[in-house]
Amino acid sequence: MAVTEYNIADMFRQKKKPDDALKLYFESERILKNLGDKFNLVNIYYILA
């Protein structure tokens, strides 16, 4: 399953396994950086705010 902003934000919103959500967030960030993707992580902060 692809890691998306929605998947991560939804995990935080539901307050289910926040540690897993954080791991998923940082792992996805690392993968996307490795791919050279210009992923806009700011969107996640807006969703979580």
N, C-alpha and C. Protein backbone atom coordinates (compact mmCIF):
# COMPACT_ATOMS: atom_id res chain seq x y z
N MET A 1 0.84 -1.20 0.00
CA MET A 1 0.00 0.00 0.00
C MET A 1 0.87 1.25 0.00
N ALA A 2 0.56 2.16 -0.87
CA ALA A 2 1.35 3.39 -0.95
C ALA A 2 1.07 4.28 0.26
N VAL A 3 2.13 4.88 0.75
CA VAL A 3 1.98 5.81 1.87
C VAL A 3 1.55 7.16 1.31
N THR A 4 0.44 7.65 1.80
CA THR A 4 -0.07 8.93 1.33
C THR A 4 -0.26 9.87 2.50
N GLU A 5 -0.41 11.15 2.21
CA GLU A 5 -0.66 12.13 3.26
C GLU A 5 -1.92 11.73 4.04
N TYR A 6 -2.93 11.24 3.31
CA TYR A 6 -4.19 10.89 3.97
C TYR A 6 -4.01 9.74 4.95
N ASN A 7 -3.28 8.70 4.54
CA ASN A 7 -3.06 7.55 5.41
C ASN A 7 -2.44 7.98 6.73
N ILE A 8 -1.42 8.82 6.65
CA ILE A 8 -0.70 9.26 7.84
C ILE A 8 -1.58 10.15 8.71
N ALA A 9 -2.22 11.13 8.09
CA ALA A 9 -3.07 12.05 8.84
C ALA A 9 -4.22 11.29 9.50
N ASP A 10 -4.75 10.30 8.80
CA ASP A 10 -5.87 9.53 9.33
C ASP A 10 -5.45 8.75 10.57
N MET A 11 -4.24 8.20 10.56
CA MET A 11 -3.75 7.46 11.72
C MET A 11 -3.64 8.39 12.93
N PHE A 12 -3.14 9.62 12.69
CA PHE A 12 -3.04 10.58 13.79
C PHE A 12 -4.43 10.97 14.28
N ARG A 13 -5.33 11.20 13.33
CA ARG A 13 -6.68 11.65 13.67
C ARG A 13 -7.40 10.62 14.54
N GLN A 14 -7.20 9.34 14.21
CA GLN A 14 -7.86 8.28 14.96
C GLN A 14 -7.14 7.95 16.27
N LYS A 15 -5.95 8.52 16.46
CA LYS A 15 -5.15 8.31 17.67
C LYS A 15 -4.84 6.82 17.85
N LYS A 16 -4.69 6.11 16.73
CA LYS A 16 -4.36 4.69 16.79
C LYS A 16 -2.88 4.50 16.53
N LYS A 17 -2.19 3.88 17.47
CA LYS A 17 -0.77 3.59 17.30
C LYS A 17 -0.01 4.79 16.74
N PRO A 18 0.07 5.88 17.50
CA PRO A 18 0.77 7.08 17.01
C PRO A 18 2.23 6.80 16.66
N ASP A 19 2.86 5.86 17.38
CA ASP A 19 4.26 5.53 17.09
C ASP A 19 4.38 4.97 15.68
N ASP A 20 3.43 4.12 15.29
CA ASP A 20 3.43 3.55 13.94
C ASP A 20 3.24 4.65 12.90
N ALA A 21 2.37 5.60 13.22
CA ALA A 21 2.12 6.70 12.29
C ALA A 21 3.38 7.53 12.10
N LEU A 22 4.10 7.77 13.19
CA LEU A 22 5.33 8.54 13.08
C LEU A 22 6.39 7.78 12.30
N LYS A 23 6.50 6.49 12.56
CA LYS A 23 7.46 5.66 11.82
C LYS A 23 7.12 5.69 10.33
N LEU A 24 5.83 5.57 10.03
CA LEU A 24 5.37 5.59 8.65
C LEU A 24 5.69 6.93 8.00
N TYR A 25 5.48 8.00 8.77
CA TYR A 25 5.76 9.34 8.27
C TYR A 25 7.23 9.51 7.91
N PHE A 26 8.12 9.15 8.84
CA PHE A 26 9.55 9.34 8.59
C PHE A 26 10.08 8.38 7.54
N GLU A 27 9.54 7.18 7.52
CA GLU A 27 9.94 6.21 6.50
C GLU A 27 9.52 6.69 5.12
N SER A 28 8.31 7.19 5.01
CA SER A 28 7.83 7.67 3.72
C SER A 28 8.63 8.89 3.28
N GLU A 29 8.98 9.76 4.25
CA GLU A 29 9.79 10.93 3.92
C GLU A 29 11.15 10.50 3.39
N ARG A 30 11.75 9.49 4.02
CA ARG A 30 13.06 8.99 3.61
C ARG A 30 12.99 8.39 2.20
N ILE A 31 11.97 7.57 1.97
CA ILE A 31 11.81 6.93 0.66
C ILE A 31 11.62 7.99 -0.43
N LEU A 32 10.75 8.97 -0.14
CA LEU A 32 10.48 10.00 -1.14
C LEU A 32 11.71 10.84 -1.44
N LYS A 33 12.52 11.10 -0.41
CA LYS A 33 13.75 11.86 -0.63
C LYS A 33 14.70 11.05 -1.49
N ASN A 34 14.76 9.74 -1.23
CA ASN A 34 15.61 8.86 -2.02
C ASN A 34 15.18 8.85 -3.48
N LEU A 35 13.91 8.99 -3.71
CA LEU A 35 13.39 9.00 -5.09
C LEU A 35 13.57 10.36 -5.73
N GLY A 36 14.01 11.33 -4.92
CA GLY A 36 14.20 12.67 -5.46
C GLY A 36 12.88 13.38 -5.69
N ASP A 37 11.85 12.90 -5.01
CA ASP A 37 10.52 13.49 -5.17
C ASP A 37 10.43 14.83 -4.45
N LYS A 38 9.72 15.76 -5.04
CA LYS A 38 9.49 17.06 -4.40
C LYS A 38 8.16 17.00 -3.65
N PHE A 39 8.11 16.07 -2.68
CA PHE A 39 6.89 15.85 -1.92
C PHE A 39 6.65 17.00 -0.96
N ASN A 40 5.45 17.54 -0.95
CA ASN A 40 5.14 18.70 -0.11
C ASN A 40 4.67 18.26 1.27
N LEU A 41 5.64 18.11 2.18
CA LEU A 41 5.32 17.65 3.54
C LEU A 41 4.51 18.68 4.33
N VAL A 42 4.54 19.93 3.87
CA VAL A 42 3.78 20.98 4.55
C VAL A 42 2.30 20.63 4.57
N ASN A 43 1.82 19.95 3.53
CA ASN A 43 0.40 19.58 3.46
C ASN A 43 0.01 18.73 4.65
N ILE A 44 0.91 17.84 5.08
CA ILE A 44 0.61 16.98 6.22
C ILE A 44 0.44 17.82 7.48
N TYR A 45 1.30 18.82 7.67
CA TYR A 45 1.20 19.67 8.85
C TYR A 45 -0.13 20.42 8.87
N TYR A 46 -0.58 20.88 7.69
CA TYR A 46 -1.86 21.57 7.63
C TYR A 46 -3.00 20.64 7.99
N ILE A 47 -2.93 19.40 7.51
CA ILE A 47 -3.98 18.42 7.79
C ILE A 47 -4.02 18.11 9.29
N LEU A 48 -2.86 18.00 9.91
CA LEU A 48 -2.78 17.63 11.32
C LEU A 48 -3.09 18.80 12.25
N ALA A 49 -2.96 20.03 11.77
CA ALA A 49 -3.15 21.21 12.61
C ALA A 49 -4.58 21.34 13.12
